[in-house]
Structures are given as C-alpha cells and as structure tokens.
Amino acid sequence: MWGLLILLPATSYQADSKAVPTPVKDNDKKQEFLRDLKSRTFQFFWDVVDTNTWQTDDRYPNQQFTSIAATGFALPAYIIGVENGYVSRADAAKRVLNTLRWLWTAPVGDMKSGKSGYKGFYYHFHNYKDGTRFKDVELSSIDTGLLFAGILTCQSYFDGDNPMESEIRQLADSLFLRVEWNWMMNGNKTMSMGWKPESGFLESQWTGYNEAMVLLIMAIGSPTYPIDASAWQDWCNTYEWGDFEGLEHVNFGPLFGHQYSQMFVDFRGIQDDYMAQMGIDYFENSRRATLSNRAYCIRNPFGFEGYGENNWGLTACDGPGLGKREFKGQKIDFKSYNARGVAAGYLEDDGTIAPTAAGGSIPFAPEECIDALFAMKEKHGDLLYQQFGFVDAFNMSVDQKGWFAPDYLGIDQGALLIQLENYESELIWRTLRNNKYIQSGLKKAGFKGGWLDTLP
C-alpha cells in the first residue's frame, strides 16, 4: 500500500541486472544429481497424461482427475524435453498439438455438467476420458491463466515453417483470443477467483501479492477482451509489504505464490511503479521470500524434526493428514493438502517439507536451493526420490520413520522442472519474452527497463 512505503537499507542489488544470483560451485555429484532430477521430472509430464484429452493428471499414482494448471506446466515441459534431447521436436509438437486441439473442440457452455469450460475459461479439474467438469469445481481464473501461460510459451517456441507448428501457433492464438478476461472481473476492480453455473462468481477476488501476476498481465494484454490497465495498480494497492525474518518484501506465505508467474515471465530488471518506488524488482522480491522461508525453518520455532539449513521449504503440498496431535507439548494440526507457508501475518507450519518449495526457487537462491534438494535426496533416498524425482512432500515429526507422500503433484513437478531449466538456460523466460501478448500486458501495466527496453 502506497501509504506504507519504507526506505530500504543499502544493498548491492541492481534493479537493472540481468544476472541471476551466483551459481553453485561446480560439483560433479551435484551436477549429476541435477541432470537426473531434470530427466526424471520431465518424464512425469511425458508419461502421466490422459491420452483421450491430452490433459495432465493432477496427481499420480493416485489418479483422480486432470488439472488445467498441470497441463499449463506440461506444455513448457515438452519444450524442455526437446532442448535437452529427451524427445524429438516433432514428437513434442505432436503432443502440444493434440493438447491444443482438444482444448479448442472441448464442449463449452453454462450448463452444470457435461462441459469443459465457458467464455474461454476452463474448469479447474476435468474428468478422465471426456474431459468434462469434475464434480462441482469452479471455472478457475488462475488455473486458466496458468494454462494459457503454457499455451503462449508454445506459441512462441514452435516457430517452424511446417503445417504442425503453424497449426500450434494458430490454435494458441484462437484459444487466447476467445478468453473473456473482462467478464471475470464481474464489474469489480480486482478479478474474481472463479465462477460456478450454480451460483455465479465466487466472492473471493485476486488481492494481495500472489501467483496471479501472469494472469493479470495476459488479461491486460488481450486484444479482444482485455481488462483495464488500471487493474494492475488496483491490485498493487492491496499488497502487504513488511519485514519477515529480517528481509523486507511484499509478503505471501506459500512459496508457490512467488514462483508460478516467474516460471514464465522474466521479471529480472523490469519494474512497475510499485517496485520502482521500493528499489527492487519482483525477482529480488522472490529471492527475499525464499531466503526468509529458509531462515524461518532454520529458526524452527516449533522444534520440528529435521529442519535446518539444508532441510527447509514451506509451500502448498500434501501432508500426513493425521489431525491434531500432541507434539513437544504443543497441539499441532497435521493437515493433509494445505497451503503451508510463512510470512508477515501468515503461519501454516506442521513440519511438512515440500521439495518443490526449494526447487521452484532455484533461480532466486541457487546455492541454498540446490544444496537443500541434494541433501534431501542424499538423506532420504528412495523414500523421497523415486521414478519421477521427488514425491510431493515429507514430514519427519509424525513418527520415528517419518511420513513420505505417496503421490507426485503435477503443479509441484512443474515448478521444479521449469525453474531448474530457467536457472540453467533461461529457456522458458527467453521464449516468452518474444510473445506479443506478454509484451503488451507488461507495457500496459507500466513495466519498464531491462529487456523490455530492448524490444524493437
């Protein structure tokens, strides 16, 4: 909020810097581990898919439904597969084309069942085989946004002069242009989180800093159904700036909120008016959030087992689901899936660590994040690190042997894979910098500097 602006302490950070933080020192074992982690995590996206709709499973092996956000992460994962030699460009293009063809032809409408989406948006989860709405889930604005971040990445990457890649670009364009972003505003200054045919728009709106940056940028950049560019300032006005663990930044508890938009958009060195006044950019903000999350875990105020400098990371993830239990004289609610995290004014911690918390923050703090992932794998072995890399989460405080998640989650796999690739090659950042809708949305939202100023 503008009335709470604080002068920051002197720092060596440069807002116009294009460099990521200092890379990890060369270490053969760690480099081998990262190569293996990337390969295994990619394989999740290649193998775990509904071949009727080509949408990605929300979780595996306990399969329940597909997830449009997980599909949004799978699309750039296919590109990563090409660039790392895991699959051919033709095979990846075919997979992308199958995905987009189904999205374009999926049944749409405002009926309660039998439809996959409405007004260009898609339901949060879909049934297997026919891809229709799962139970009574909402038409989701953010999950649609994450889906389209992946779609636009493919539009920019598959630039070949052949029928398959031409159709990818055309379908991506047609899908994007039919999304009625302005409808989802419901006449308000901030966007609704979703809509249901039974009850209309959800009361919850996108306020406060979170994962919705890329959603709003695309909505502002749309040439067909845009939201007003003033929506960006209206959103910034709801931010919560404050100190947490000695680091001042815009706070949001679970680390995924600092990661998801920056998996796609390169925020290094570009600033909106808010960040220009704060003297940092969103990349630096996420670095501070990552390090403060780590600092909290090192401090470990509840005394959970195993927390430390290389065993940290609180974000939304699965959990042991044991309910309230006595732990070291405290009542701890050991929840199942929950938005774990810590920040100024936010505390959700039950001893559950998610590898994706560190993995999705690798570009922001490479040494700390990679050291943590390496240590987790070395300590817990195949209890934690299996066929597709890290299972979703673990908790060493629930019994002597600890609890390890039985599933992989698509969105958590995606954050780790995409951010590892961005750290190593900037692949997804570089690709989406070329997308005209992303460029337009950033400029209309008031972003300046860095790579934006070098555009023709």
Protein backbone atom coordinates (compact mmCIF):
# COMPACT_ATOMS: atom_id res chain seq x y z
CA MET A 1 0.00 0.00 0.00
CA TRP A 2 1.40 3.33 -1.03
CA GLY A 3 1.00 4.89 2.40
CA LEU A 4 3.32 2.29 3.91
CA LEU A 5 6.37 2.70 1.68
CA ILE A 6 9.59 2.18 3.61
CA LEU A 7 13.11 3.20 2.74
CA LEU A 8 15.14 0.08 2.17
CA PRO A 9 18.58 -0.48 3.65
CA ALA A 10 21.52 -0.10 1.32
CA THR A 11 22.01 -3.14 -0.86
CA SER A 12 24.27 -4.22 -3.67
CA TYR A 13 21.25 -5.35 -5.66
CA GLN A 14 20.91 -3.66 -9.05
CA ALA A 15 17.37 -3.35 -10.40
CA ASP A 16 18.57 -3.41 -13.98
CA SER A 17 20.72 -6.50 -13.55
CA LYS A 18 20.03 -9.39 -15.93
CA ALA A 19 22.12 -11.85 -13.98
CA VAL A 20 20.72 -14.50 -11.70
CA PRO A 21 22.39 -14.87 -8.28
CA THR A 22 25.80 -16.51 -8.12
CA PRO A 23 25.60 -20.05 -9.50
CA VAL A 24 26.51 -23.05 -7.39
CA LYS A 25 30.10 -24.14 -7.43
CA ASP A 26 30.99 -26.96 -9.76
CA ASN A 27 30.47 -30.29 -8.07
CA ASP A 28 30.32 -33.48 -10.10
CA LYS A 29 27.89 -35.24 -7.74
CA LYS A 30 25.53 -32.27 -7.64
CA GLN A 31 25.64 -31.77 -11.39
CA GLU A 32 24.90 -35.46 -11.92
CA PHE A 33 22.04 -35.16 -9.44
CA LEU A 34 20.57 -32.13 -11.26
CA ARG A 35 20.76 -33.90 -14.61
CA ASP A 36 19.00 -36.92 -13.16
CA LEU A 37 16.40 -34.77 -11.38
CA LYS A 38 15.56 -32.89 -14.57
CA SER A 39 15.28 -36.06 -16.63
CA ARG A 40 13.06 -37.86 -14.11
CA THR A 41 10.80 -34.85 -13.56
CA PHE A 42 10.38 -34.33 -17.30
CA GLN A 43 9.41 -37.97 -17.65
CA PHE A 44 6.48 -37.38 -15.30
CA PHE A 45 4.94 -34.99 -17.82
CA TRP A 46 5.66 -37.22 -20.79
CA ASP A 47 4.25 -40.37 -19.20
CA VAL A 48 1.43 -39.12 -16.97
CA VAL A 49 -1.29 -37.80 -19.28
CA ASP A 50 -4.87 -38.68 -20.23
CA THR A 51 -4.46 -39.80 -23.84
CA ASN A 52 -8.14 -39.10 -24.54
CA THR A 53 -7.84 -35.36 -23.84
CA TRP A 54 -4.05 -34.93 -23.56
CA GLN A 55 -4.55 -33.09 -20.28
CA THR A 56 -2.14 -33.75 -17.42
CA ASP A 57 -3.07 -35.59 -14.23
CA ASP A 58 -3.44 -33.55 -11.08
CA ARG A 59 -1.60 -36.28 -9.17
CA TYR A 60 -0.07 -39.71 -9.68
CA PRO A 61 -0.21 -42.65 -8.98
CA ASN A 62 -3.45 -41.99 -7.04
CA GLN A 63 -5.22 -40.63 -10.09
CA GLN A 64 -8.44 -38.67 -9.58
CA PHE A 65 -8.79 -36.08 -12.37
CA THR A 66 -6.77 -33.92 -14.73
CA SER A 67 -5.68 -30.38 -13.92
CA ILE A 68 -5.59 -27.47 -16.35
CA ALA A 69 -2.80 -25.82 -14.33
CA ALA A 70 -0.75 -29.02 -14.53
CA THR A 71 -1.39 -29.01 -18.29
CA GLY A 72 -0.14 -25.43 -18.38
CA PHE A 73 3.09 -26.65 -16.80
CA ALA A 74 3.30 -29.71 -19.04
CA LEU A 75 3.36 -27.60 -22.21
CA PRO A 76 6.70 -25.90 -21.41
CA ALA A 77 7.93 -29.22 -20.02
CA TYR A 78 7.62 -30.65 -23.55
CA ILE A 79 9.80 -27.80 -24.80
CA ILE A 80 12.35 -28.58 -22.10
CA GLY A 81 12.29 -32.16 -23.33
CA VAL A 82 13.20 -31.04 -26.84
CA GLU A 83 16.04 -28.77 -25.74
CA ASN A 84 17.54 -31.46 -23.51
CA GLY A 85 17.29 -34.21 -26.11
CA TYR A 86 14.73 -36.29 -24.22
CA VAL A 87 12.22 -36.23 -27.11
CA SER A 88 12.29 -35.03 -30.69
CA ARG A 89 10.87 -31.65 -31.68
CA ALA A 90 8.34 -33.42 -33.92
CA ASP A 91 7.13 -35.66 -31.09
CA ALA A 92 6.82 -32.72 -28.72
CA ALA A 93 4.98 -30.66 -31.33
CA LYS A 94 2.56 -33.53 -31.89
CA ARG A 95 1.87 -33.76 -28.15
CA VAL A 96 1.29 -29.99 -27.93
CA LEU A 97 -0.96 -30.05 -30.98
CA ASN A 98 -3.08 -32.86 -29.51
CA THR A 99 -3.44 -30.85 -26.31
CA LEU A 100 -4.50 -27.65 -28.06
CA ARG A 101 -6.86 -29.40 -30.48
CA TRP A 102 -8.75 -30.92 -27.58
CA LEU A 103 -8.93 -27.59 -25.73
CA TRP A 104 -10.32 -25.93 -28.85
CA THR A 105 -13.00 -28.54 -29.51
CA ALA A 106 -13.90 -29.40 -25.88
CA PRO A 107 -17.59 -28.86 -25.03
CA VAL A 108 -18.31 -25.41 -23.61
CA GLY A 109 -21.37 -23.71 -22.15
CA ASP A 110 -23.02 -22.54 -18.94
CA MET A 111 -24.62 -25.87 -18.03
CA LYS A 112 -23.82 -27.52 -14.69
CA SER A 113 -22.40 -30.70 -16.18
CA GLY A 114 -21.12 -32.13 -19.42
CA LYS A 115 -18.98 -29.08 -20.23
CA SER A 116 -15.27 -28.38 -20.02
CA GLY A 117 -15.33 -24.59 -19.93
CA TYR A 118 -17.17 -21.37 -20.61
CA LYS A 119 -16.28 -17.99 -22.13
CA GLY A 120 -12.76 -19.18 -22.89
CA PHE A 121 -12.08 -20.27 -19.29
CA TYR A 122 -11.77 -23.89 -18.18
CA TYR A 123 -12.86 -25.77 -15.12
CA HIS A 124 -10.18 -26.33 -12.50
CA PHE A 125 -10.32 -30.13 -12.81
CA HIS A 126 -11.63 -32.39 -15.57
CA ASN A 127 -12.89 -35.96 -15.64
CA TYR A 128 -10.83 -38.57 -17.42
CA LYS A 129 -11.84 -39.70 -20.91
CA ASP A 130 -14.38 -36.98 -21.82
CA GLY A 131 -12.68 -34.01 -20.10
CA THR A 132 -15.89 -32.61 -18.65
CA ARG A 133 -16.19 -30.71 -15.37
CA PHE A 134 -15.16 -32.76 -12.32
CA LYS A 135 -17.99 -32.71 -9.76
CA ASP A 136 -18.81 -29.08 -8.88
CA VAL A 137 -15.38 -27.43 -9.24
CA GLU A 138 -15.19 -23.81 -10.30
CA LEU A 139 -14.39 -22.25 -13.64
CA SER A 140 -10.98 -21.10 -12.44
CA SER A 141 -9.39 -17.81 -13.39
CA ILE A 142 -5.89 -18.59 -12.08
CA ASP A 143 -5.76 -22.16 -13.35
CA THR A 144 -6.91 -20.94 -16.76
CA GLY A 145 -4.22 -18.28 -16.54
CA LEU A 146 -1.50 -20.83 -15.83
CA LEU A 147 -2.81 -22.97 -18.68
CA PHE A 148 -2.53 -20.02 -21.06
CA ALA A 149 0.95 -19.14 -19.85
CA GLY A 150 1.94 -22.58 -21.12
CA ILE A 151 -0.05 -22.15 -24.34
CA LEU A 152 1.61 -18.82 -25.15
CA THR A 153 5.02 -20.34 -24.42
CA CYS A 154 4.32 -22.95 -27.08
CA GLN A 155 3.04 -20.30 -29.48
CA SER A 156 6.39 -18.51 -29.25
CA TYR A 157 8.58 -21.62 -29.26
CA PHE A 158 7.11 -23.57 -32.16
CA ASP A 159 8.01 -21.12 -34.89
CA GLY A 160 8.81 -23.63 -37.60
CA ASP A 161 7.60 -23.33 -41.18
CA ASN A 162 5.66 -26.60 -41.31
CA PRO A 163 1.98 -27.50 -41.02
CA MET A 164 2.17 -28.89 -37.48
CA GLU A 165 3.93 -25.90 -35.91
CA SER A 166 1.82 -23.45 -37.92
CA GLU A 167 -1.31 -25.08 -36.51
CA ILE A 168 0.09 -24.85 -32.97
CA ARG A 169 0.55 -21.09 -33.39
CA GLN A 170 -2.90 -20.65 -34.92
CA LEU A 171 -4.68 -22.68 -32.24
CA ALA A 172 -2.79 -20.93 -29.45
CA ASP A 173 -3.87 -17.60 -30.89
CA SER A 174 -7.50 -18.63 -31.33
CA LEU A 175 -7.70 -20.06 -27.81
CA PHE A 176 -6.19 -16.95 -26.26
CA LEU A 177 -8.35 -14.52 -28.20
CA ARG A 178 -11.61 -16.15 -27.11
CA VAL A 179 -10.96 -15.80 -23.35
CA GLU A 180 -13.32 -13.15 -21.96
CA TRP A 181 -11.00 -11.85 -19.26
CA ASN A 182 -13.12 -8.74 -18.70
CA TRP A 183 -16.16 -10.91 -17.87
CA MET A 184 -14.24 -12.48 -14.96
CA MET A 185 -13.84 -9.03 -13.36
CA ASN A 186 -17.59 -9.09 -12.56
CA GLY A 187 -17.64 -5.29 -12.58
CA ASN A 188 -15.03 -5.02 -9.80
CA LYS A 189 -11.56 -3.51 -9.66
CA THR A 190 -9.97 -6.88 -8.89
CA MET A 191 -10.64 -10.17 -10.69
CA SER A 192 -12.84 -12.93 -9.31
CA MET A 193 -11.16 -16.22 -8.50
CA GLY A 194 -13.81 -18.09 -10.44
CA TRP A 195 -17.39 -18.81 -11.40
CA LYS A 196 -19.89 -21.65 -10.99
CA PRO A 197 -23.01 -22.22 -13.07
CA GLU A 198 -24.96 -22.97 -9.87
CA SER A 199 -24.12 -19.75 -8.03
CA GLY A 200 -22.27 -17.31 -10.29
CA PHE A 201 -19.00 -15.57 -9.45
CA LEU A 202 -17.03 -16.56 -6.38
CA GLU A 203 -16.85 -13.89 -3.71
CA SER A 204 -13.06 -14.31 -3.40
CA GLN A 205 -11.04 -11.96 -5.58
CA TRP A 206 -7.38 -11.67 -6.51
CA THR A 207 -5.99 -9.23 -3.96
CA GLY A 208 -2.61 -9.08 -2.28
CA TYR A 209 0.60 -10.28 -3.89
CA ASN A 210 0.35 -13.89 -5.08
CA GLU A 211 0.63 -16.12 -8.13
CA ALA A 212 -1.84 -14.05 -10.18
CA MET A 213 0.74 -11.72 -11.80
CA VAL A 214 0.87 -13.65 -15.06
CA LEU A 215 -2.93 -13.94 -15.11
CA LEU A 216 -3.39 -10.17 -14.91
CA ILE A 217 -0.62 -9.45 -17.42
CA MET A 218 -2.29 -11.68 -20.01
CA ALA A 219 -5.71 -10.21 -19.25
CA ILE A 220 -4.39 -6.67 -19.72
CA GLY A 221 -2.53 -7.68 -22.89
CA SER A 222 -5.51 -9.32 -24.61
CA PRO A 223 -6.58 -7.52 -27.82
CA THR A 224 -10.11 -8.97 -27.74
CA TYR A 225 -11.46 -8.99 -24.17
CA PRO A 226 -8.92 -7.02 -22.11
CA ILE A 227 -9.30 -5.78 -18.58
CA ASP A 228 -8.43 -2.15 -17.99
CA ALA A 229 -4.74 -1.48 -17.42
CA SER A 230 -5.66 0.31 -14.18
CA ALA A 231 -6.43 -3.14 -12.73
CA TRP A 232 -2.69 -3.62 -12.21
CA GLN A 233 -2.44 -0.57 -9.95
CA ASP A 234 -5.63 -1.60 -8.16
CA TRP A 235 -4.01 -4.95 -7.47
CA CYS A 236 -0.74 -3.42 -6.27
CA ASN A 237 -2.71 -1.29 -3.84
CA THR A 238 -3.63 -4.48 -1.97
CA TYR A 239 -0.01 -5.62 -1.40
CA GLU A 240 1.33 -6.33 2.08
CA TRP A 241 4.88 -5.00 2.37
CA GLY A 242 6.69 -5.91 5.55
CA ASP A 243 9.68 -7.44 7.27
CA PHE A 244 9.86 -11.18 7.73
CA GLU A 245 12.95 -12.86 9.15
CA GLY A 246 14.90 -9.64 8.61
CA LEU A 247 14.05 -9.23 4.91
CA GLU A 248 11.64 -6.55 3.71
CA HIS A 249 9.48 -7.55 0.76
CA VAL A 250 5.91 -7.95 -0.47
CA ASN A 251 4.77 -10.89 1.62
CA PHE A 252 2.89 -14.03 0.66
CA GLY A 253 3.17 -17.16 2.78
CA PRO A 254 3.41 -20.24 0.50
CA LEU A 255 6.41 -20.06 -1.81
CA PHE A 256 4.41 -21.10 -4.88
CA GLY A 257 2.94 -17.58 -4.95
CA HIS A 258 6.43 -16.21 -5.52
CA GLN A 259 7.26 -18.83 -8.16
CA TYR A 260 4.40 -19.53 -10.56
CA SER A 261 4.34 -16.27 -12.53
CA GLN A 262 8.13 -16.16 -12.58
CA MET A 263 8.31 -19.62 -14.09
CA PHE A 264 7.07 -17.90 -17.25
CA VAL A 265 7.79 -14.16 -17.16
CA ASP A 266 11.34 -12.87 -16.76
CA PHE A 267 10.93 -10.15 -14.12
CA ARG A 268 14.66 -9.52 -13.73
CA GLY A 269 15.43 -5.86 -14.18
CA ILE A 270 11.91 -4.74 -15.15
CA GLN A 271 9.80 -2.75 -12.72
CA ASP A 272 6.28 -1.45 -12.36
CA ASP A 273 5.66 1.77 -10.42
CA TYR A 274 5.33 -0.08 -7.12
CA MET A 275 8.67 -1.88 -7.37
CA ALA A 276 10.40 1.19 -8.76
CA GLN A 277 9.45 3.03 -5.56
CA MET A 278 10.69 0.10 -3.49
CA GLY A 279 14.01 -0.01 -5.31
CA ILE A 280 13.83 -3.70 -6.25
CA ASP A 281 12.07 -5.88 -8.82
CA TYR A 282 9.82 -8.92 -8.43
CA PHE A 283 12.73 -11.30 -8.93
CA GLU A 284 14.53 -9.79 -5.94
CA ASN A 285 11.27 -9.87 -4.01
CA SER A 286 11.05 -13.62 -4.59
CA ARG A 287 14.68 -14.06 -3.58
CA ARG A 288 13.92 -12.41 -0.25
CA ALA A 289 10.79 -14.51 0.23
CA THR A 290 12.79 -17.67 -0.44
CA LEU A 291 15.55 -16.77 1.99
CA SER A 292 13.10 -15.70 4.68
CA ASN A 293 11.27 -19.04 4.31
CA ARG A 294 14.59 -20.80 4.78
CA ALA A 295 15.53 -18.60 7.75
CA TYR A 296 12.25 -19.42 9.47
CA CYS A 297 12.85 -23.16 9.04
CA ILE A 298 16.37 -22.83 10.44
CA ARG A 299 14.94 -20.97 13.44
CA ASN A 300 12.31 -23.72 13.70
CA PRO A 301 10.16 -22.21 16.49
CA PHE A 302 8.02 -25.37 16.88
CA GLY A 303 11.03 -27.69 17.08
CA PHE A 304 10.04 -29.93 14.18
CA GLU A 305 12.31 -32.85 13.40
CA GLY A 306 14.96 -32.38 10.74
CA TYR A 307 14.53 -28.68 9.96
CA GLY A 308 17.81 -26.96 9.13
CA GLU A 309 19.88 -25.05 6.62
CA ASN A 310 19.53 -27.84 4.04
CA ASN A 311 16.09 -29.13 5.03
CA TRP A 312 13.52 -26.40 4.52
CA GLY A 313 10.73 -25.26 2.24
CA LEU A 314 7.10 -24.47 3.08
CA THR A 315 4.51 -24.21 0.33
CA ALA A 316 1.19 -25.75 -0.70
CA CYS A 317 1.59 -29.52 -0.73
CA ASP A 318 0.28 -32.84 0.53
CA GLY A 319 0.63 -33.72 4.19
CA PRO A 320 0.19 -36.61 6.61
CA GLY A 321 -3.44 -35.70 7.40
CA LEU A 322 -3.37 -37.01 10.95
CA GLY A 323 -5.29 -34.14 12.51
CA LYS A 324 -4.44 -32.51 15.84
CA ARG A 325 -1.78 -34.26 17.86
CA GLU A 326 0.42 -33.53 20.82
CA PHE A 327 3.97 -32.65 19.72
CA LYS A 328 6.59 -31.49 22.23
CA GLY A 329 3.91 -30.06 24.48
CA GLN A 330 2.09 -28.30 21.65
CA LYS A 331 -1.12 -29.06 19.77
CA ILE A 332 -0.15 -29.38 16.10
CA ASP A 333 -2.71 -29.91 13.36
CA PHE A 334 -1.01 -32.27 10.92
CA LYS A 335 -3.07 -31.48 7.83
CA SER A 336 -3.41 -33.25 4.50
CA TYR A 337 -3.19 -30.97 1.43
CA ASN A 338 -2.71 -27.43 2.73
CA ALA A 339 -1.26 -24.07 1.74
CA ARG A 340 1.72 -24.28 4.07
CA GLY A 341 3.92 -21.22 4.29
CA VAL A 342 5.19 -18.39 6.43
CA ALA A 343 5.27 -14.62 6.05
CA ALA A 344 4.39 -11.50 7.97
CA GLY A 345 0.87 -12.25 9.20
CA TYR A 346 0.83 -15.82 7.84
CA LEU A 347 1.82 -19.05 9.58
CA GLU A 348 0.93 -22.55 8.34
CA ASP A 349 3.58 -24.99 9.50
CA ASP A 350 3.10 -28.58 10.66
CA GLY A 351 6.59 -29.91 9.96
CA THR A 352 5.87 -30.85 6.33
CA ILE A 353 8.62 -30.01 3.85
CA ALA A 354 7.94 -29.88 0.08
CA PRO A 355 10.94 -30.26 -2.26
CA THR A 356 9.14 -28.04 -4.78
CA ALA A 357 9.45 -25.13 -2.35
CA ALA A 358 13.22 -25.08 -2.79
CA GLY A 359 13.08 -26.46 -6.32
CA GLY A 360 10.75 -23.77 -7.63
CA SER A 361 13.02 -21.10 -6.16
CA ILE A 362 16.29 -22.30 -7.67
CA PRO A 363 16.80 -19.19 -9.86
CA PHE A 364 16.30 -16.88 -6.87
CA ALA A 365 18.79 -18.54 -4.50
CA PRO A 366 20.60 -21.31 -6.39
CA GLU A 367 23.15 -22.36 -3.80
CA GLU A 368 20.69 -22.61 -0.93
CA CYS A 369 18.01 -24.34 -3.02
CA ILE A 370 20.22 -26.86 -4.79
CA ASP A 371 22.05 -27.71 -1.58
CA ALA A 372 18.69 -28.40 0.06
CA LEU A 373 17.44 -30.66 -2.74
CA PHE A 374 20.74 -32.54 -2.85
CA ALA A 375 20.74 -33.05 0.92
CA MET A 376 17.12 -34.24 0.93
CA LYS A 377 17.86 -36.84 -1.72
CA GLU A 378 21.06 -37.98 -0.01
CA LYS A 379 19.42 -38.31 3.40
CA HIS A 380 16.11 -39.93 2.47
CA GLY A 381 16.99 -41.84 -0.69
CA ASP A 382 14.21 -43.73 -2.41
CA LEU A 383 11.71 -42.95 0.33
CA LEU A 384 11.61 -39.45 -1.15
CA TYR A 385 13.31 -39.70 -4.56
CA GLN A 386 11.72 -42.19 -6.91
CA GLN A 387 10.72 -42.83 -10.53
CA PHE A 388 9.75 -39.24 -11.36
CA GLY A 389 12.09 -37.47 -8.97
CA PHE A 390 10.85 -36.13 -5.65
CA VAL A 391 7.49 -37.26 -4.31
CA ASP A 392 5.43 -34.31 -3.18
CA ALA A 393 6.39 -33.85 0.47
CA PHE A 394 7.63 -35.45 3.69
CA ASN A 395 7.32 -34.95 7.45
CA MET A 396 9.78 -36.38 9.96
CA SER A 397 7.82 -35.29 13.03
CA VAL A 398 4.81 -37.63 12.86
CA ASP A 399 6.58 -40.87 13.88
CA GLN A 400 10.03 -42.36 14.13
CA LYS A 401 10.22 -43.31 10.45
CA GLY A 402 8.59 -40.13 9.20
CA TRP A 403 5.86 -39.71 6.60
CA PHE A 404 6.52 -39.56 2.85
CA ALA A 405 3.86 -38.56 0.33
CA PRO A 406 2.54 -41.38 -1.85
CA ASP A 407 1.94 -39.07 -4.81
CA TYR A 408 3.57 -36.70 -7.23
CA LEU A 409 1.58 -33.49 -7.89
CA GLY A 410 1.66 -32.08 -11.42
CA ILE A 411 1.86 -28.44 -10.44
CA ASP A 412 4.67 -29.11 -7.96
CA GLN A 413 6.60 -31.15 -10.50
CA GLY A 414 6.20 -28.31 -12.98
CA ALA A 415 7.55 -25.59 -10.71
CA LEU A 416 10.67 -27.61 -10.02
CA LEU A 417 11.36 -28.62 -13.63
CA ILE A 418 10.70 -25.23 -15.24
CA GLN A 419 12.66 -23.27 -12.68
CA LEU A 420 15.61 -25.64 -12.84
CA GLU A 421 15.67 -25.12 -16.61
CA ASN A 422 15.33 -21.35 -16.26
CA TYR A 423 18.28 -21.35 -13.87
CA GLU A 424 20.43 -23.41 -16.23
CA SER A 425 19.46 -21.92 -19.61
CA GLU A 426 16.72 -19.26 -19.16
CA LEU A 427 14.78 -21.29 -21.76
CA ILE A 428 11.19 -20.52 -20.79
CA TRP A 429 11.99 -16.89 -19.86
CA ARG A 430 13.72 -16.32 -23.20
CA THR A 431 10.89 -17.94 -25.11
CA LEU A 432 8.07 -15.95 -23.54
CA ARG A 433 9.95 -12.65 -23.81
CA ASN A 434 9.13 -12.90 -27.52
CA ASN A 435 5.38 -13.22 -27.07
CA LYS A 436 3.47 -10.13 -28.19
CA TYR A 437 0.65 -10.59 -25.70
CA ILE A 438 3.04 -10.82 -22.76
CA GLN A 439 4.96 -7.79 -24.03
CA SER A 440 1.75 -5.81 -24.43
CA GLY A 441 0.44 -6.74 -20.99
CA LEU A 442 3.67 -5.79 -19.25
CA LYS A 443 3.91 -2.44 -21.01
CA LYS A 444 0.26 -1.54 -20.39
CA ALA A 445 0.70 -2.47 -16.71
CA GLY A 446 3.53 0.08 -16.56
CA PHE A 447 6.60 -2.16 -16.56
CA LYS A 448 9.81 -0.56 -17.82
CA GLY A 449 13.51 -1.22 -18.01
CA GLY A 450 15.64 -4.29 -18.63
CA TRP A 451 14.80 -6.49 -21.59
CA LEU A 452 11.55 -4.61 -22.22
CA ASP A 453 13.53 -1.53 -23.27
CA THR A 454 15.49 -3.55 -25.86
CA LEU A 455 12.40 -4.65 -27.79
CA PRO A 456 12.01 -3.28 -31.33
